[in-house]
C-alpha atoms as a PDB file:
ATOM      1  CA  UNK A   1      17.986-118.453 126.556  1.00  0.00           C
ATOM      2  CA  UNK A   2      15.085-116.742 128.723  1.00  0.00           C
ATOM      3  CA  UNK A   3      17.531-116.319 131.523  1.00  0.00           C
ATOM      4  CA  UNK A   4      19.988-113.882 129.583  1.00  0.00           C
ATOM      5  CA  UNK A   5      16.999-111.792 128.168  1.00  0.00           C
ATOM      6  CA  UNK A   6      15.820-111.518 131.731  1.00  0.00           C
ATOM      7  CA  UNK A   7      19.188-110.425 132.621  1.00  0.00           C
ATOM      8  CA  UNK A   8      19.788-108.004 129.301  1.00  0.00           C
ATOM      9  CA  UNK A   9      16.129-106.647 130.230  1.00  0.00           C
ATOM     10  CA  UNK A  10      17.331-105.733 133.776  1.00  0.00           C
ATOM     11  CA  UNK A  11      20.503-104.392 132.985  1.00  0.00           C
ATOM     12  CA  UNK A  12      18.586-101.980 130.566  1.00  0.00           C
ATOM     13  CA  UNK A  13      15.553-101.233 132.939  1.00  0.00           C
ATOM     14  CA  UNK A  14      18.151-100.079 135.786  1.00  0.00           C
ATOM     15  CA  UNK A  15      19.279 -96.832 134.364  1.00  0.00           C
ATOM     16  CA  UNK A  16      15.412 -95.647 133.478  1.00  0.00           C
ATOM     17  CA  UNK A  17      14.813 -96.722 137.216  1.00  0.00           C
ATOM     18  CA  UNK A  18      17.347 -94.643 138.655  1.00  0.00           C
ATOM     19  CA  UNK A  19      16.381 -91.657 136.455  1.00  0.00           C
ATOM     20  CA  UNK A  20      12.775 -91.967 137.741  1.00  0.00           C
ATOM     21  CA  UNK A  21      14.432 -92.476 141.307  1.00  0.00           C
ATOM     22  CA  UNK A  22      16.171 -89.494 140.961  1.00  0.00           C
ATOM     23  CA  UNK A  23      13.508 -87.281 139.432  1.00  0.00           C
ATOM     24  CA  UNK A  24      10.780 -88.266 142.260  1.00  0.00           C
ATOM     25  CA  UNK A  25      13.329 -87.278 144.601  1.00  0.00           C
ATOM     26  CA  UNK A  26      13.713 -83.921 142.917  1.00  0.00           C
ATOM     27  CA  UNK A  27      10.325 -83.125 143.592  1.00  0.00           C
ATOM     28  CA  UNK A  28       9.805 -84.894 146.827  1.00  0.00           C
ATOM     29  CA  UNK A  29       8.972 -82.497 149.733  1.00  0.00           C
ATOM     30  CA  UNK A  30       8.073 -79.567 147.567  1.00  0.00           C
ATOM     31  CA  UNK A  31       5.514 -77.492 148.433  1.00  0.00           C
ATOM     32  CA  UNK A  32       2.155 -78.559 146.031  1.00  0.00           C
ATOM     33  CA  UNK A  33       1.744 -76.770 142.606  1.00  0.00           C
ATOM     34  CA  UNK A  34      -1.228 -74.330 143.753  1.00  0.00           C
ATOM     35  CA  UNK A  35      -3.444 -75.415 140.353  1.00  0.00           C
ATOM     36  CA  UNK A  36      -6.455 -72.414 140.119  1.00  0.00           C
ATOM     37  CA  UNK A  37      -4.462 -69.490 142.316  1.00  0.00           C
ATOM     38  CA  UNK A  38      -5.183 -66.477 141.266  1.00  0.00           C
ATOM     39  CA  UNK A  39      -2.107 -64.723 140.343  1.00  0.00           C
ATOM     40  CA  UNK A  40      -2.825 -60.154 141.373  1.00  0.00           C
ATOM     41  CA  UNK A  41      -6.211 -60.613 139.575  1.00  0.00           C
ATOM     42  CA  UNK A  42      -4.772 -61.302 136.083  1.00  0.00           C
ATOM     43  CA  UNK A  43      -3.513 -64.342 135.660  1.00  0.00           C
ATOM     44  CA  UNK A  44      -4.561 -67.895 136.773  1.00  0.00           C
ATOM     45  CA  UNK A  45      -1.697 -70.966 138.009  1.00  0.00           C
ATOM     46  CA  UNK A  46      -3.180 -73.883 135.787  1.00  0.00           C
ATOM     47  CA  UNK A  47      -1.296 -77.676 136.864  1.00  0.00           C
ATOM     48  CA  UNK A  48      -0.382 -80.251 134.103  1.00  0.00           C
ATOM     49  CA  UNK A  49       1.252 -83.158 135.937  1.00  0.00           C
ATOM     50  CA  UNK A  50       4.115 -82.093 137.535  1.00  0.00           C
ATOM     51  CA  UNK A  51       4.566 -78.691 135.874  1.00  0.00           C
ATOM     52  CA  UNK A  52       2.537 -75.839 135.958  1.00  0.00           C
ATOM     53  CA  UNK A  53       1.542 -72.965 133.299  1.00  0.00           C
ATOM     54  CA  UNK A  54       0.362 -69.324 133.779  1.00  0.00           C
ATOM     55  CA  UNK A  55      -2.330 -68.375 131.714  1.00  0.00           C
ATOM     56  CA  UNK A  56      -2.378 -64.079 131.350  1.00  0.00           C
ATOM     57  CA  UNK A  57      -5.403 -62.031 130.907  1.00  0.00           C
ATOM     58  CA  UNK A  58      -4.652 -59.893 127.960  1.00  0.00           C
ATOM     59  CA  UNK A  59      -7.797 -58.473 127.632  1.00  0.00           C
ATOM     60  CA  UNK A  60     -10.934 -58.402 124.725  1.00  0.00           C
ATOM     61  CA  UNK A  61     -10.568 -62.220 125.154  1.00  0.00           C
ATOM     62  CA  UNK A  62      -7.104 -61.920 124.335  1.00  0.00           C
ATOM     63  CA  UNK A  63      -4.816 -64.575 126.752  1.00  0.00           C
ATOM     64  CA  UNK A  64      -0.938 -65.281 126.882  1.00  0.00           C
ATOM     65  CA  UNK A  65       0.096 -68.075 128.268  1.00  0.00           C
ATOM     66  CA  UNK A  66       3.529 -68.378 130.194  1.00  0.00           C
ATOM     67  CA  UNK A  67       4.808 -71.828 128.997  1.00  0.00           C
ATOM     68  CA  UNK A  68       2.438 -74.821 127.522  1.00  0.00           C
ATOM     69  CA  UNK A  69       2.961 -77.904 129.212  1.00  0.00           C
ATOM     70  CA  UNK A  70       4.169 -81.107 129.148  1.00  0.00           C
ATOM     71  CA  UNK A  71       0.894 -82.569 127.553  1.00  0.00           C
ATOM     72  CA  UNK A  72       1.051 -82.636 123.791  1.00  0.00           C
ATOM     73  CA  UNK A  73      -2.206 -82.350 123.651  1.00  0.00           C
ATOM     74  CA  UNK A  74      -3.190 -80.157 126.123  1.00  0.00           C
ATOM     75  CA  UNK A  75      -5.938 -81.199 127.945  1.00  0.00           C
ATOM     76  CA  UNK A  76      -5.851 -79.121 131.001  1.00  0.00           C
ATOM     77  CA  UNK A  77      -4.338 -76.230 129.074  1.00  0.00           C
ATOM     78  CA  UNK A  78      -7.725 -76.209 126.664  1.00  0.00           C
ATOM     79  CA  UNK A  79      -9.778 -77.010 129.523  1.00  0.00           C
ATOM     80  CA  UNK A  80      -8.768 -73.860 131.386  1.00  0.00           C
ATOM     81  CA  UNK A  81      -9.436 -71.587 128.330  1.00  0.00           C
ATOM     82  CA  UNK A  82     -12.874 -74.031 127.689  1.00  0.00           C
ATOM     83  CA  UNK A  83     -13.487 -72.614 131.381  1.00  0.00           C
ATOM     84  CA  UNK A  84     -12.826 -69.126 130.148  1.00  0.00           C
ATOM     85  CA  UNK A  85     -15.272 -69.593 127.398  1.00  0.00           C
ATOM     86  CA  UNK A  86     -12.360 -69.045 125.017  1.00  0.00           C
ATOM     87  CA  UNK A  87     -10.844 -71.511 122.157  1.00  0.00           C
ATOM     88  CA  UNK A  88      -7.206 -72.195 121.003  1.00  0.00           C
ATOM     89  CA  UNK A  89      -7.422 -69.026 118.453  1.00  0.00           C
ATOM     90  CA  UNK A  90      -7.781 -66.831 122.151  1.00  0.00           C
ATOM     91  CA  UNK A  91      -3.697 -67.665 122.947  1.00  0.00           C
ATOM     92  CA  UNK A  92      -1.913 -64.275 121.454  1.00  0.00           C
ATOM     93  CA  UNK A  93       1.452 -64.862 122.755  1.00  0.00           C
ATOM     94  CA  UNK A  94       3.469 -67.785 124.517  1.00  0.00           C
ATOM     95  CA  UNK A  95       6.306 -66.884 126.590  1.00  0.00           C
ATOM     96  CA  UNK A  96       9.035 -69.506 127.537  1.00  0.00           C
ATOM     97  CA  UNK A  97      11.090 -69.884 130.042  1.00  0.00           C
ATOM     98  CA  UNK A  98      12.646 -72.329 128.747  1.00  0.00           C
ATOM     99  CA  UNK A  99      12.892 -75.133 125.802  1.00  0.00           C
ATOM    100  CA  UNK A 100      12.553 -78.077 128.314  1.00  0.00           C
ATOM    101  CA  UNK A 101      10.372 -80.469 126.864  1.00  0.00           C
ATOM    102  CA  UNK A 102       7.515 -80.348 129.740  1.00  0.00           C
ATOM    103  CA  UNK A 103       7.531 -76.194 128.839  1.00  0.00           C
ATOM    104  CA  UNK A 104       7.052 -76.724 125.457  1.00  0.00           C
ATOM    105  CA  UNK A 105       5.039 -79.636 124.725  1.00  0.00           C
ATOM    106  CA  UNK A 106       1.741 -77.748 123.861  1.00  0.00           C
ATOM    107  CA  UNK A 107       3.074 -74.838 121.936  1.00  0.00           C
ATOM    108  CA  UNK A 108       1.649 -76.408 118.583  1.00  0.00           C
ATOM    109  CA  UNK A 109      -2.126 -76.835 119.325  1.00  0.00           C
ATOM    110  CA  UNK A 110      -1.816 -72.264 118.606  1.00  0.00           C
ATOM    111  CA  UNK A 111      -1.002 -71.691 115.350  1.00  0.00           C
ATOM    112  CA  UNK A 112      -2.245 -68.455 115.325  1.00  0.00           C
ATOM    113  CA  UNK A 113       0.324 -67.659 118.684  1.00  0.00           C
ATOM    114  CA  UNK A 114       3.305 -66.097 118.343  1.00  0.00           C
ATOM    115  CA  UNK A 115       5.980 -68.338 120.112  1.00  0.00           C
ATOM    116  CA  UNK A 116       8.717 -66.784 122.133  1.00  0.00           C
ATOM    117  CA  UNK A 117      12.105 -67.426 123.687  1.00  0.00           C
ATOM    118  CA  UNK A 118      15.498 -65.870 124.539  1.00  0.00           C
ATOM    119  CA  UNK A 119      17.495 -66.381 121.014  1.00  0.00           C
ATOM    120  CA  UNK A 120      20.068 -68.738 123.158  1.00  0.00           C
ATOM    121  CA  UNK A 121      16.806 -71.538 123.818  1.00  0.00           C
ATOM    122  CA  UNK A 122      15.239 -71.415 120.480  1.00  0.00           C
ATOM    123  CA  UNK A 123      17.474 -74.291 119.148  1.00  0.00           C
ATOM    124  CA  UNK A 124      16.628 -76.615 122.632  1.00  0.00           C
ATOM    125  CA  UNK A 125      12.992 -75.344 122.279  1.00  0.00           C
ATOM    126  CA  UNK A 126      12.604 -76.687 119.014  1.00  0.00           C
ATOM    127  CA  UNK A 127      14.425 -80.210 119.506  1.00  0.00           C
ATOM    128  CA  UNK A 128      17.430 -78.941 117.105  1.00  0.00           C
ATOM    129  CA  UNK A 129      19.958 -79.342 120.442  1.00  0.00           C
ATOM    130  CA  UNK A 130      20.158 -80.896 123.644  1.00  0.00           C
ATOM    131  CA  UNK A 131      20.516 -79.004 127.005  1.00  0.00           C
ATOM    132  CA  UNK A 132      23.752 -79.644 128.533  1.00  0.00           C
ATOM    133  CA  UNK A 133      22.745 -80.475 131.733  1.00  0.00           C
ATOM    134  CA  UNK A 134      24.409 -83.881 133.520  1.00  0.00           C
ATOM    135  CA  UNK A 135      21.443 -85.732 132.693  1.00  0.00           C
ATOM    136  CA  UNK A 136      19.748 -84.014 129.624  1.00  0.00           C
ATOM    137  CA  UNK A 137      22.878 -83.943 127.347  1.00  0.00           C
ATOM    138  CA  UNK A 138      22.476 -87.942 127.144  1.00  0.00           C
ATOM    139  CA  UNK A 139      19.006 -87.627 125.333  1.00  0.00           C
ATOM    140  CA  UNK A 140      18.941 -86.909 121.953  1.00  0.00           C
ATOM    141  CA  UNK A 141      17.474 -83.873 119.963  1.00  0.00           C
ATOM    142  CA  UNK A 142      13.740 -84.797 118.030  1.00  0.00           C
ATOM    143  CA  UNK A 143      11.238 -82.535 116.484  1.00  0.00           C
ATOM    144  CA  UNK A 144       8.644 -81.070 119.013  1.00  0.00           C
ATOM    145  CA  UNK A 145       6.170 -79.616 116.719  1.00  0.00           C
ATOM    146  CA  UNK A 146       7.591 -76.030 118.272  1.00  0.00           C
ATOM    147  CA  UNK A 147       8.305 -73.170 116.217  1.00  0.00           C
ATOM    148  CA  UNK A 148       9.689 -70.470 118.226  1.00  0.00           C
ATOM    149  CA  UNK A 149       8.754 -67.059 115.840  1.00  0.00           C
ATOM    150  CA  UNK A 150      10.394 -64.472 117.828  1.00  0.00           C
ATOM    151  CA  UNK A 151      13.824 -64.640 119.293  1.00  0.00           C
ATOM    152  CA  UNK A 152      13.342 -62.680 122.400  1.00  0.00           C
ATOM    153  CA  UNK A 153      16.381 -60.276 124.094  1.00  0.00           C
ATOM    154  CA  UNK A 154      17.445 -59.941 127.157  1.00  0.00           C
ATOM    155  CA  UNK A 155      15.927 -56.181 128.494  1.00  0.00           C
ATOM    156  CA  UNK A 156      13.068 -55.538 126.349  1.00  0.00           C
ATOM    157  CA  UNK A 157       9.525 -54.816 127.130  1.00  0.00           C
ATOM    158  CA  UNK A 158       6.805 -56.603 125.341  1.00  0.00           C
ATOM    159  CA  UNK A 159       3.126 -55.365 124.899  1.00  0.00           C
ATOM    160  CA  UNK A 160       0.579 -58.134 123.855  1.00  0.00           C
ATOM    161  CA  UNK A 161      -2.869 -56.889 124.228  1.00  0.00           C
ATOM    162  CA  UNK A 162      -3.265 -54.692 127.942  1.00  0.00           C
ATOM    163  CA  UNK A 163      -0.014 -56.321 129.036  1.00  0.00           C
ATOM    164  CA  UNK A 164       3.273 -54.923 129.247  1.00  0.00           C
ATOM    165  CA  UNK A 165       6.021 -57.808 129.642  1.00  0.00           C
ATOM    166  CA  UNK A 166       8.974 -57.155 131.090  1.00  0.00           C
ATOM    167  CA  UNK A 167      12.317 -59.874 129.934  1.00  0.00           C
ATOM    168  CA  UNK A 168      15.318 -60.897 131.711  1.00  0.00           C
ATOM    169  CA  UNK A 169      17.953 -63.357 130.762  1.00  0.00           C
ATOM    170  CA  UNK A 170      18.954 -65.896 133.389  1.00  0.00           C
ATOM    171  CA  UNK A 171      21.267 -68.184 132.140  1.00  0.00           C
ATOM    172  CA  UNK A 172      22.167 -71.311 134.055  1.00  0.00           C
ATOM    173  CA  UNK A 173      18.861 -73.854 134.506  1.00  0.00           C
ATOM    174  CA  UNK A 174      19.763 -73.285 130.409  1.00  0.00           C
ATOM    175  CA  UNK A 175      21.750 -70.926 128.539  1.00  0.00           C
ATOM    176  CA  UNK A 176      18.624 -69.028 127.426  1.00  0.00           C
ATOM    177  CA  UNK A 177      16.563 -69.344 130.596  1.00  0.00           C
ATOM    178  CA  UNK A 178      13.963 -66.135 130.978  1.00  0.00           C
ATOM    179  CA  UNK A 179      11.973 -64.220 133.255  1.00  0.00           C
ATOM    180  CA  UNK A 180       9.170 -62.380 132.296  1.00  0.00           C
ATOM    181  CA  UNK A 181       7.317 -59.394 134.881  1.00  0.00           C
ATOM    182  CA  UNK A 182       3.777 -59.112 134.499  1.00  0.00           C
ATOM    183  CA  UNK A 183       1.915 -56.670 136.662  1.00  0.00           C
ATOM    184  CA  UNK A 184       4.327 -57.058 140.012  1.00  0.00           C
ATOM    185  CA  UNK A 185       4.250 -60.967 139.075  1.00  0.00           C
ATOM    186  CA  UNK A 186       8.254 -62.526 138.433  1.00  0.00           C
ATOM    187  CA  UNK A 187       7.486 -66.025 136.537  1.00  0.00           C
ATOM    188  CA  UNK A 188      10.434 -67.787 136.977  1.00  0.00           C
ATOM    189  CA  UNK A 189      10.510 -71.159 135.405  1.00  0.00           C
ATOM    190  CA  UNK A 190      13.041 -73.771 136.356  1.00  0.00           C
ATOM    191  CA  UNK A 191      15.332 -71.302 137.354  1.00  0.00           C
ATOM    192  CA  UNK A 192      14.217 -71.301 140.837  1.00  0.00           C
ATOM    193  CA  UNK A 193      12.174 -73.452 143.377  1.00  0.00           C
ATOM    194  CA  UNK A 194      10.117 -72.373 146.790  1.00  0.00           C
ATOM    195  CA  UNK A 195      10.777 -74.444 149.751  1.00  0.00           C
ATOM    196  CA  UNK A 196       7.586 -75.284 152.155  1.00  0.00           C
ATOM    197  CA  UNK A 197       9.038 -72.778 154.893  1.00  0.00           C
ATOM    198  CA  UNK A 198       9.060 -70.050 152.030  1.00  0.00           C
ATOM    199  CA  UNK A 199      12.697 -69.737 151.052  1.00  0.00           C
ATOM    200  CA  UNK A 200      13.776 -69.360 146.814  1.00  0.00           C
ATOM    201  CA  UNK A 201      16.246 -71.790 146.077  1.00  0.00           C
ATOM    202  CA  UNK A 202      18.316 -72.406 142.703  1.00  0.00           C
ATOM    203  CA  UNK A 203      17.361 -74.613 140.216  1.00  0.00           C
ATOM    204  CA  UNK A 204      18.023 -78.017 140.537  1.00  0.00           C
ATOM    205  CA  UNK A 205      21.416 -80.072 139.649  1.00  0.00           C
ATOM    206  CA  UNK A 206      20.415 -82.452 137.797  1.00  0.00           C
ATOM    207  CA  UNK A 207      18.778 -80.741 135.351  1.00  0.00           C
ATOM    208  CA  UNK A 208      20.681 -77.942 135.434  1.00  0.00           C
ATOM    209  CA  UNK A 209      23.453 -77.013 132.969  1.00  0.00           C
ATOM    210  CA  UNK A 210      25.273 -74.589 135.587  1.00  0.00           C
ATOM    211  CA  UNK A 211      24.290 -74.141 139.205  1.00  0.00           C
ATOM    212  CA  UNK A 212      26.466 -71.705 139.898  1.00  0.00           C
ATOM    213  CA  UNK A 213      25.877 -69.571 136.840  1.00  0.00           C
ATOM    214  CA  UNK A 214      22.315 -69.915 137.785  1.00  0.00           C
ATOM    215  CA  UNK A 215      22.735 -68.320 141.447  1.00  0.00           C
ATOM    216  CA  UNK A 216      24.936 -65.577 139.961  1.00  0.00           C
ATOM    217  CA  UNK A 217      21.962 -65.024 137.338  1.00  0.00           C
ATOM    218  CA  UNK A 218      19.617 -64.840 140.148  1.00  0.00           C
ATOM    219  CA  UNK A 219      21.568 -62.465 142.048  1.00  0.00           C
ATOM    220  CA  UNK A 220      22.168 -60.247 139.325  1.00  0.00           C
ATOM    221  CA  UNK A 221      17.990 -60.347 138.743  1.00  0.00           C
ATOM    222  CA  UNK A 222      17.529 -59.380 142.128  1.00  0.00           C
ATOM    223  CA  UNK A 223      19.747 -56.389 141.591  1.00  0.00           C
ATOM    224  CA  UNK A 224      18.216 -55.164 138.493  1.00  0.00           C
ATOM    225  CA  UNK A 225      14.669 -55.360 140.500  1.00  0.00           C
ATOM    226  CA  UNK A 226      12.935 -52.776 142.786  1.00  0.00           C
ATOM    227  CA  UNK A 227      11.238 -54.160 145.890  1.00  0.00           C
ATOM    228  CA  UNK A 228       8.000 -52.754 145.184  1.00  0.00           C
ATOM    229  CA  UNK A 229       7.869 -54.023 141.597  1.00  0.00           C
ATOM    230  CA  UNK A 230       7.583 -57.394 142.904  1.00  0.00           C
ATOM    231  CA  UNK A 231       4.304 -58.664 144.458  1.00  0.00           C
ATOM    232  CA  UNK A 232       4.505 -62.027 144.208  1.00  0.00           C
ATOM    233  CA  UNK A 233       7.207 -65.185 142.597  1.00  0.00           C
ATOM    234  CA  UNK A 234       5.943 -67.712 140.597  1.00  0.00           C
ATOM    235  CA  UNK A 235       8.023 -70.970 139.898  1.00  0.00           C
ATOM    236  CA  UNK A 236       6.847 -74.051 137.732  1.00  0.00           C
ATOM    237  CA  UNK A 237       7.222 -76.928 140.072  1.00  0.00           C
ATOM    238  CA  UNK A 238       6.746 -75.544 143.744  1.00  0.00           C
ATOM    239  CA  UNK A 239       3.795 -72.970 143.317  1.00  0.00           C
ATOM    240  CA  UNK A 240       3.804 -69.042 144.794  1.00  0.00           C
ATOM    241  CA  UNK A 241       6.124 -67.114 146.912  1.00  0.00           C
ATOM    242  CA  UNK A 242       4.830 -63.713 148.369  1.00  0.00           C
ATOM    243  CA  UNK A 243       6.841 -60.620 147.436  1.00  0.00           C
ATOM    244  CA  UNK A 244       9.985 -59.551 146.827  1.00  0.00           C
ATOM    245  CA  UNK A 245      12.276 -60.829 149.717  1.00  0.00           C
ATOM    246  CA  UNK A 246      12.621 -64.512 149.110  1.00  0.00           C
ATOM    247  CA  UNK A 247      14.780 -63.098 146.178  1.00  0.00           C
ATOM    248  CA  UNK A 248      16.454 -60.528 148.153  1.00  0.00           C
ATOM    249  CA  UNK A 249      17.165 -63.003 150.796  1.00  0.00           C
ATOM    250  CA  UNK A 250      19.145 -66.149 148.630  1.00  0.00           C
ATOM    251  CA  UNK A 251      20.873 -63.188 146.709  1.00  0.00           C
ATOM    252  CA  UNK A 252      22.273 -62.002 150.346  1.00  0.00           C
ATOM    253  CA  UNK A 253      23.646 -65.394 150.951  1.00  0.00           C
END
């Protein structure tokens, strides 16, 4: 009987180990997330495990978050606010690049913040629908304690405090993936990554709904932007690249 249980346990464990190995291979060799890097004097990269989020100064003690990290307790994020002499109520808005769990876990810690995402990703962010990627489509929906208070539209510009934030729809990684351009910094979430040799690459296949659509979206985004508008490219898992050129070069291939 013990032998049967051991075999059954091994059978159950193998798929889990396979997924873990796949995720390790996805992130192996990536440039390190530059924890604490300042972005154009108004924003800061904060590393939360294997993902990053970004804290943007919106003036007069207010901040905006790009995503809210993978820790439901928000220890690192709350520590960053404390470092600034701020508490949770200072967060006025949380802009989600997409609805995957490792980007939305801290939203519930900021009840006074407006939580925003492109309309197509609202059900994913709230855990009412699953992402249709090769891996994530097999995970059941679950309540993530996230409530999106404003559904965004492609092309709109938000004003939060001193920040003007341009919204771009870049479907592919998820159906409602977004990019945000703020003061010359383009936040791309998981829709692209940086390589160690300074190139931009598309979203990773195992957790992306459509790599073809992702590639087309990035090319379309490059066509919408002027080179002088983009000073830095920011990615959620692989750090920061300078200027518009990496996106331009990706679009040209």
